[in-house]
Amino acid sequence: MPQKTILVQEYMTRRLTTLSPDTEIMRAVQTLLDSDISGAPVVDGEGLLVGILTQKDCMKVVLNAAYHSEFCGTVADYMTSTPIVMAPNISVVEAAQQFLEKKFHSYPVVEDGVLVGQISRCDILHALEDAWQWQNR
């Protein structure tokens, strides 16, 4: 039976919580907590990915504030401005290999610089399970 190639775009999440670089940092922290997400892509007015803000970044903010009693700055001050991304047209096998090589829980999916989705470890596990079931029919 021929092997079916499953692409990231088939399993990525398209409805995302995103942040703006000029969002006040404590508002962004609250957004991550309220949305129960580990991080959010940061996009400019045209939808271009300019960074990512993670819980780890936010932990630095809150820890710093605990010592200095000040919560200030914007997302741009704390985000990772060069996030590692995936393309929507790579196979989930390639994506799984990237997850194994890095410690990230999810990756922004970008096409021509524009954020089109996000793929997580859980999404990849679902895709690989579906591929296994398809092959073993």
N, C-alpha and C. Protein backbone atom coordinates (compact mmCIF):
# COMPACT_ATOMS: atom_id res chain seq x y z
N MET A 1 0.85 -1.18 0.00
CA MET A 1 0.00 0.00 0.00
C MET A 1 0.90 1.24 0.00
N PRO A 2 0.63 2.22 -0.86
CA PRO A 2 1.46 3.42 -0.90
C PRO A 2 1.32 4.24 0.38
N GLN A 3 2.42 4.87 0.75
CA GLN A 3 2.42 5.68 1.96
C GLN A 3 1.81 7.04 1.66
N LYS A 4 0.93 7.48 2.51
CA LYS A 4 0.27 8.78 2.36
C LYS A 4 1.11 9.83 3.09
N THR A 5 1.45 10.92 2.40
CA THR A 5 2.19 12.02 3.02
C THR A 5 1.19 12.98 3.65
N ILE A 6 1.31 13.16 4.94
CA ILE A 6 0.44 14.08 5.66
C ILE A 6 1.25 15.35 5.93
N LEU A 7 0.65 16.49 5.63
CA LEU A 7 1.33 17.76 5.77
C LEU A 7 0.92 18.50 7.05
N VAL A 8 1.79 19.34 7.51
CA VAL A 8 1.54 20.15 8.71
C VAL A 8 0.23 20.92 8.56
N GLN A 9 -0.04 21.48 7.38
CA GLN A 9 -1.24 22.30 7.18
C GLN A 9 -2.54 21.53 7.44
N GLU A 10 -2.48 20.21 7.38
CA GLU A 10 -3.68 19.41 7.61
C GLU A 10 -4.01 19.27 9.10
N TYR A 11 -3.05 19.52 9.97
CA TYR A 11 -3.26 19.32 11.41
C TYR A 11 -3.00 20.56 12.25
N MET A 12 -2.49 21.62 11.64
CA MET A 12 -2.18 22.83 12.42
C MET A 12 -3.46 23.52 12.87
N THR A 13 -3.33 24.26 13.94
CA THR A 13 -4.42 25.09 14.44
C THR A 13 -4.40 26.40 13.67
N ARG A 14 -5.56 26.80 13.19
CA ARG A 14 -5.63 28.04 12.41
C ARG A 14 -6.21 29.20 13.22
N ARG A 15 -6.97 28.89 14.23
CA ARG A 15 -7.56 29.93 15.08
C ARG A 15 -6.64 30.13 16.28
N LEU A 16 -5.91 31.22 16.27
CA LEU A 16 -4.88 31.45 17.27
C LEU A 16 -5.14 32.68 18.12
N THR A 17 -4.63 32.62 19.32
CA THR A 17 -4.52 33.82 20.14
C THR A 17 -3.19 34.45 19.77
N THR A 18 -3.22 35.67 19.29
CA THR A 18 -2.00 36.37 18.92
C THR A 18 -1.87 37.64 19.76
N LEU A 19 -0.66 38.14 19.78
CA LEU A 19 -0.37 39.37 20.50
C LEU A 19 0.25 40.38 19.55
N SER A 20 0.18 41.63 19.93
CA SER A 20 0.82 42.71 19.19
C SER A 20 2.10 43.09 19.93
N PRO A 21 3.13 43.53 19.23
CA PRO A 21 4.37 43.92 19.90
C PRO A 21 4.19 45.06 20.90
N ASP A 22 3.18 45.91 20.69
CA ASP A 22 2.99 47.04 21.59
C ASP A 22 2.00 46.77 22.73
N THR A 23 1.54 45.54 22.87
CA THR A 23 0.67 45.18 23.98
C THR A 23 1.44 45.29 25.29
N GLU A 24 0.84 45.88 26.31
CA GLU A 24 1.47 46.00 27.62
C GLU A 24 1.73 44.58 28.15
N ILE A 25 2.90 44.36 28.69
CA ILE A 25 3.35 43.01 29.03
C ILE A 25 2.43 42.31 30.04
N MET A 26 1.95 43.00 31.05
CA MET A 26 1.09 42.33 32.02
C MET A 26 -0.26 41.93 31.41
N ARG A 27 -0.73 42.71 30.45
CA ARG A 27 -1.94 42.32 29.72
C ARG A 27 -1.67 41.04 28.92
N ALA A 28 -0.49 40.95 28.34
CA ALA A 28 -0.11 39.75 27.58
C ALA A 28 0.00 38.53 28.49
N VAL A 29 0.60 38.72 29.67
CA VAL A 29 0.70 37.62 30.64
C VAL A 29 -0.71 37.12 30.98
N GLN A 30 -1.61 38.06 31.25
CA GLN A 30 -2.99 37.68 31.58
C GLN A 30 -3.67 36.97 30.41
N THR A 31 -3.38 37.38 29.19
CA THR A 31 -3.95 36.72 28.00
C THR A 31 -3.51 35.27 27.93
N LEU A 32 -2.21 35.01 28.17
CA LEU A 32 -1.72 33.62 28.14
C LEU A 32 -2.40 32.80 29.23
N LEU A 33 -2.51 33.38 30.43
CA LEU A 33 -3.15 32.66 31.54
C LEU A 33 -4.63 32.40 31.27
N ASP A 34 -5.34 33.42 30.81
CA ASP A 34 -6.78 33.27 30.54
C ASP A 34 -7.05 32.27 29.42
N SER A 35 -6.16 32.24 28.44
CA SER A 35 -6.34 31.34 27.29
C SER A 35 -5.77 29.95 27.56
N ASP A 36 -5.07 29.79 28.68
CA ASP A 36 -4.46 28.52 29.06
C ASP A 36 -3.55 27.99 27.95
N ILE A 37 -2.66 28.89 27.48
CA ILE A 37 -1.72 28.52 26.42
C ILE A 37 -0.30 28.80 26.88
N SER A 38 0.65 28.07 26.32
CA SER A 38 2.05 28.19 26.74
C SER A 38 2.80 29.31 26.04
N GLY A 39 2.19 29.89 25.02
CA GLY A 39 2.82 30.98 24.30
C GLY A 39 1.91 31.46 23.20
N ALA A 40 2.25 32.62 22.66
CA ALA A 40 1.44 33.18 21.59
C ALA A 40 2.33 33.86 20.56
N PRO A 41 2.01 33.69 19.29
CA PRO A 41 2.73 34.40 18.24
C PRO A 41 2.47 35.90 18.36
N VAL A 42 3.47 36.68 17.99
CA VAL A 42 3.36 38.14 17.99
C VAL A 42 3.38 38.58 16.53
N VAL A 43 2.34 39.29 16.12
CA VAL A 43 2.21 39.71 14.72
C VAL A 43 2.05 41.21 14.61
N ASP A 44 2.50 41.75 13.48
CA ASP A 44 2.32 43.17 13.23
C ASP A 44 0.96 43.41 12.57
N GLY A 45 0.70 44.63 12.17
CA GLY A 45 -0.59 45.00 11.59
C GLY A 45 -0.94 44.29 10.31
N GLU A 46 0.07 43.77 9.58
CA GLU A 46 -0.18 43.05 8.33
C GLU A 46 -0.25 41.54 8.52
N GLY A 47 -0.16 41.09 9.77
CA GLY A 47 -0.20 39.65 10.03
C GLY A 47 1.14 38.96 9.89
N LEU A 48 2.22 39.75 9.75
CA LEU A 48 3.55 39.16 9.65
C LEU A 48 4.05 38.78 11.05
N LEU A 49 4.62 37.61 11.15
CA LEU A 49 5.15 37.14 12.42
C LEU A 49 6.40 37.94 12.76
N VAL A 50 6.40 38.57 13.94
CA VAL A 50 7.57 39.35 14.37
C VAL A 50 8.18 38.79 15.65
N GLY A 51 7.55 37.78 16.23
CA GLY A 51 8.10 37.18 17.45
C GLY A 51 7.16 36.19 18.06
N ILE A 52 7.56 35.71 19.24
CA ILE A 52 6.71 34.81 20.02
C ILE A 52 6.95 35.13 21.49
N LEU A 53 5.88 35.12 22.27
CA LEU A 53 5.98 35.33 23.71
C LEU A 53 5.54 34.05 24.38
N THR A 54 6.40 33.51 25.23
CA THR A 54 6.12 32.24 25.90
C THR A 54 5.91 32.44 27.40
N GLN A 55 5.41 31.41 28.05
CA GLN A 55 5.28 31.45 29.51
C GLN A 55 6.64 31.67 30.16
N LYS A 56 7.68 31.11 29.58
CA LYS A 56 9.02 31.30 30.13
C LYS A 56 9.41 32.77 30.08
N ASP A 57 9.12 33.44 28.97
CA ASP A 57 9.38 34.88 28.87
C ASP A 57 8.60 35.64 29.95
N CYS A 58 7.36 35.24 30.14
CA CYS A 58 6.49 35.90 31.13
C CYS A 58 6.98 35.65 32.55
N MET A 59 7.52 34.47 32.79
CA MET A 59 8.04 34.17 34.11
C MET A 59 9.17 35.12 34.47
N LYS A 60 10.00 35.47 33.48
CA LYS A 60 11.07 36.45 33.71
C LYS A 60 10.48 37.80 34.12
N VAL A 61 9.40 38.20 33.47
CA VAL A 61 8.73 39.47 33.78
C VAL A 61 8.25 39.47 35.23
N VAL A 62 7.53 38.43 35.60
CA VAL A 62 6.93 38.37 36.93
C VAL A 62 8.00 38.23 38.01
N LEU A 63 9.02 37.44 37.75
CA LEU A 63 10.11 37.29 38.70
C LEU A 63 10.84 38.62 38.90
N ASN A 64 11.11 39.31 37.82
CA ASN A 64 11.75 40.62 37.89
C ASN A 64 10.88 41.60 38.69
N ALA A 65 9.59 41.56 38.45
CA ALA A 65 8.68 42.45 39.15
C ALA A 65 8.63 42.15 40.64
N ALA A 66 8.77 40.88 40.99
CA ALA A 66 8.75 40.50 42.41
C ALA A 66 9.93 41.13 43.16
N TYR A 67 11.06 41.27 42.49
CA TYR A 67 12.24 41.86 43.11
C TYR A 67 12.27 43.37 43.01
N HIS A 68 11.73 43.92 41.93
CA HIS A 68 11.83 45.36 41.70
C HIS A 68 10.49 46.08 41.82
N SER A 69 9.43 45.35 42.13
CA SER A 69 8.08 45.92 42.33
C SER A 69 7.59 46.75 41.16
N GLU A 70 7.95 46.35 39.96
CA GLU A 70 7.43 47.08 38.80
C GLU A 70 7.14 46.11 37.65
N PHE A 71 5.98 46.28 37.09
CA PHE A 71 5.56 45.53 35.92
C PHE A 71 5.48 46.54 34.78
N CYS A 72 6.48 46.58 33.94
CA CYS A 72 6.40 47.55 32.86
C CYS A 72 7.00 46.99 31.59
N GLY A 73 6.68 47.65 30.52
CA GLY A 73 7.19 47.25 29.23
C GLY A 73 6.09 46.69 28.34
N THR A 74 6.50 46.36 27.14
CA THR A 74 5.57 45.81 26.16
C THR A 74 6.03 44.41 25.76
N VAL A 75 5.21 43.74 25.02
CA VAL A 75 5.55 42.42 24.50
C VAL A 75 6.87 42.47 23.75
N ALA A 76 7.10 43.52 22.98
CA ALA A 76 8.33 43.65 22.19
C ALA A 76 9.58 43.62 23.07
N ASP A 77 9.45 44.06 24.32
CA ASP A 77 10.60 44.08 25.24
C ASP A 77 10.99 42.68 25.72
N TYR A 78 10.09 41.73 25.66
CA TYR A 78 10.31 40.41 26.26
C TYR A 78 10.21 39.24 25.29
N MET A 79 9.63 39.43 24.14
CA MET A 79 9.40 38.33 23.19
C MET A 79 10.71 37.86 22.57
N THR A 80 10.66 36.65 22.04
CA THR A 80 11.74 36.15 21.19
C THR A 80 11.46 36.69 19.80
N SER A 81 12.38 37.49 19.29
CA SER A 81 12.10 38.17 18.00
C SER A 81 12.50 37.36 16.78
N THR A 82 13.14 36.23 16.99
CA THR A 82 13.50 35.36 15.86
C THR A 82 13.05 33.93 16.14
N PRO A 83 11.73 33.71 16.18
CA PRO A 83 11.25 32.37 16.49
C PRO A 83 11.54 31.38 15.36
N ILE A 84 11.72 30.15 15.74
CA ILE A 84 11.86 29.08 14.75
C ILE A 84 10.46 28.72 14.29
N VAL A 85 10.29 28.61 12.99
CA VAL A 85 8.96 28.38 12.41
C VAL A 85 8.96 27.12 11.55
N MET A 86 7.77 26.71 11.17
CA MET A 86 7.59 25.61 10.21
C MET A 86 6.78 26.13 9.04
N ALA A 87 6.97 25.48 7.92
CA ALA A 87 6.17 25.78 6.73
C ALA A 87 4.95 24.86 6.71
N PRO A 88 3.85 25.31 6.14
CA PRO A 88 2.63 24.49 6.13
C PRO A 88 2.73 23.26 5.24
N ASN A 89 3.67 23.27 4.28
CA ASN A 89 3.74 22.18 3.31
C ASN A 89 4.82 21.14 3.62
N ILE A 90 5.36 21.13 4.85
CA ILE A 90 6.29 20.06 5.20
C ILE A 90 5.51 18.89 5.78
N SER A 91 6.09 17.72 5.70
CA SER A 91 5.40 16.53 6.20
C SER A 91 5.41 16.51 7.72
N VAL A 92 4.44 15.83 8.29
CA VAL A 92 4.40 15.72 9.74
C VAL A 92 5.57 14.90 10.27
N VAL A 93 6.15 14.05 9.43
CA VAL A 93 7.33 13.29 9.83
C VAL A 93 8.51 14.25 10.02
N GLU A 94 8.70 15.17 9.07
CA GLU A 94 9.74 16.19 9.22
C GLU A 94 9.49 17.04 10.46
N ALA A 95 8.24 17.40 10.66
CA ALA A 95 7.88 18.21 11.83
C ALA A 95 8.17 17.45 13.12
N ALA A 96 7.84 16.17 13.15
CA ALA A 96 8.11 15.36 14.34
C ALA A 96 9.61 15.31 14.64
N GLN A 97 10.42 15.21 13.59
CA GLN A 97 11.87 15.21 13.79
C GLN A 97 12.34 16.53 14.39
N GLN A 98 11.76 17.63 13.94
CA GLN A 98 12.13 18.93 14.49
C GLN A 98 11.73 19.02 15.97
N PHE A 99 10.55 18.49 16.32
CA PHE A 99 10.12 18.48 17.71
C PHE A 99 11.09 17.65 18.58
N LEU A 100 11.58 16.56 18.03
CA LEU A 100 12.52 15.71 18.78
C LEU A 100 13.87 16.40 18.99
N GLU A 101 14.27 17.23 18.05
CA GLU A 101 15.56 17.91 18.13
C GLU A 101 15.53 19.14 19.03
N LYS A 102 14.38 19.76 19.20
CA LYS A 102 14.24 21.00 19.98
C LYS A 102 13.32 20.73 21.17
N LYS A 103 13.31 21.65 22.12
CA LYS A 103 12.49 21.49 23.32
C LYS A 103 11.16 22.22 23.24
N PHE A 104 10.82 22.76 22.08
CA PHE A 104 9.61 23.56 21.97
C PHE A 104 8.35 22.69 22.01
N HIS A 105 7.27 23.27 22.54
CA HIS A 105 5.98 22.58 22.61
C HIS A 105 5.15 22.83 21.36
N SER A 106 5.43 23.95 20.68
CA SER A 106 4.69 24.28 19.47
C SER A 106 5.54 25.22 18.60
N TYR A 107 5.16 25.31 17.35
CA TYR A 107 5.85 26.18 16.39
C TYR A 107 4.82 27.01 15.63
N PRO A 108 5.13 28.28 15.38
CA PRO A 108 4.30 29.04 14.46
C PRO A 108 4.47 28.45 13.05
N VAL A 109 3.40 28.46 12.28
CA VAL A 109 3.46 28.01 10.89
C VAL A 109 3.32 29.25 10.03
N VAL A 110 4.33 29.45 9.17
CA VAL A 110 4.42 30.70 8.42
C VAL A 110 4.56 30.39 6.93
N GLU A 111 3.83 31.18 6.13
CA GLU A 111 3.93 31.09 4.68
C GLU A 111 4.16 32.50 4.14
N ASP A 112 5.27 32.69 3.45
CA ASP A 112 5.65 34.01 2.91
C ASP A 112 5.68 35.08 4.01
N GLY A 113 6.15 34.71 5.19
CA GLY A 113 6.27 35.65 6.30
C GLY A 113 5.01 35.86 7.10
N VAL A 114 3.88 35.37 6.58
CA VAL A 114 2.59 35.57 7.24
C VAL A 114 2.25 34.36 8.11
N LEU A 115 1.83 34.63 9.32
CA LEU A 115 1.40 33.56 10.24
C LEU A 115 0.11 32.95 9.71
N VAL A 116 0.12 31.63 9.48
CA VAL A 116 -1.08 30.95 8.98
C VAL A 116 -1.61 29.90 9.96
N GLY A 117 -0.83 29.62 11.01
CA GLY A 117 -1.27 28.63 11.98
C GLY A 117 -0.20 28.34 13.01
N GLN A 118 -0.45 27.30 13.78
CA GLN A 118 0.50 26.84 14.78
C GLN A 118 0.35 25.33 14.88
N ILE A 119 1.46 24.65 15.07
CA ILE A 119 1.44 23.19 15.19
C ILE A 119 2.07 22.82 16.53
N SER A 120 1.44 21.89 17.22
CA SER A 120 1.92 21.48 18.55
C SER A 120 2.35 20.01 18.52
N ARG A 121 3.00 19.60 19.59
CA ARG A 121 3.37 18.19 19.72
C ARG A 121 2.12 17.31 19.65
N CYS A 122 1.07 17.75 20.31
CA CYS A 122 -0.17 16.98 20.32
C CYS A 122 -0.74 16.83 18.91
N ASP A 123 -0.71 17.92 18.13
CA ASP A 123 -1.19 17.86 16.74
C ASP A 123 -0.40 16.83 15.94
N ILE A 124 0.92 16.80 16.13
CA ILE A 124 1.78 15.87 15.41
C ILE A 124 1.48 14.43 15.83
N LEU A 125 1.26 14.22 17.11
CA LEU A 125 0.91 12.86 17.57
C LEU A 125 -0.39 12.39 16.93
N HIS A 126 -1.38 13.26 16.85
CA HIS A 126 -2.65 12.90 16.18
C HIS A 126 -2.39 12.55 14.72
N ALA A 127 -1.58 13.34 14.04
CA ALA A 127 -1.30 13.11 12.62
C ALA A 127 -0.58 11.79 12.43
N LEU A 128 0.42 11.50 13.26
CA LEU A 128 1.17 10.25 13.13
C LEU A 128 0.29 9.04 13.44
N GLU A 129 -0.59 9.19 14.43
CA GLU A 129 -1.52 8.10 14.73
C GLU A 129 -2.45 7.85 13.54
N ASP A 130 -2.97 8.92 12.94
CA ASP A 130 -3.84 8.78 11.77
C ASP A 130 -3.09 8.12 10.61
N ALA A 131 -1.82 8.50 10.41
CA ALA A 131 -1.02 7.91 9.33
C ALA A 131 -0.81 6.42 9.59
N TRP A 132 -0.55 6.06 10.83
CA TRP A 132 -0.36 4.65 11.18
C TRP A 132 -1.64 3.86 10.91
N GLN A 133 -2.77 4.42 11.33
CA GLN A 133 -4.05 3.74 11.11
C GLN A 133 -4.36 3.60 9.62
N TRP A 134 -4.02 4.64 8.82
CA TRP A 134 -4.27 4.59 7.38
C TRP A 134 -3.44 3.49 6.74
N GLN A 135 -2.19 3.35 7.18
CA GLN A 135 -1.31 2.33 6.62
C GLN A 135 -1.73 0.92 7.03
N ASN A 136 -2.34 0.78 8.15
CA ASN A 136 -2.68 -0.54 8.68
C ASN A 136 -4.14 -0.91 8.48
N ARG A 137 -4.75 -0.32 7.47
CA ARG A 137 -6.14 -0.69 7.15
C ARG A 137 -6.18 -1.99 6.42
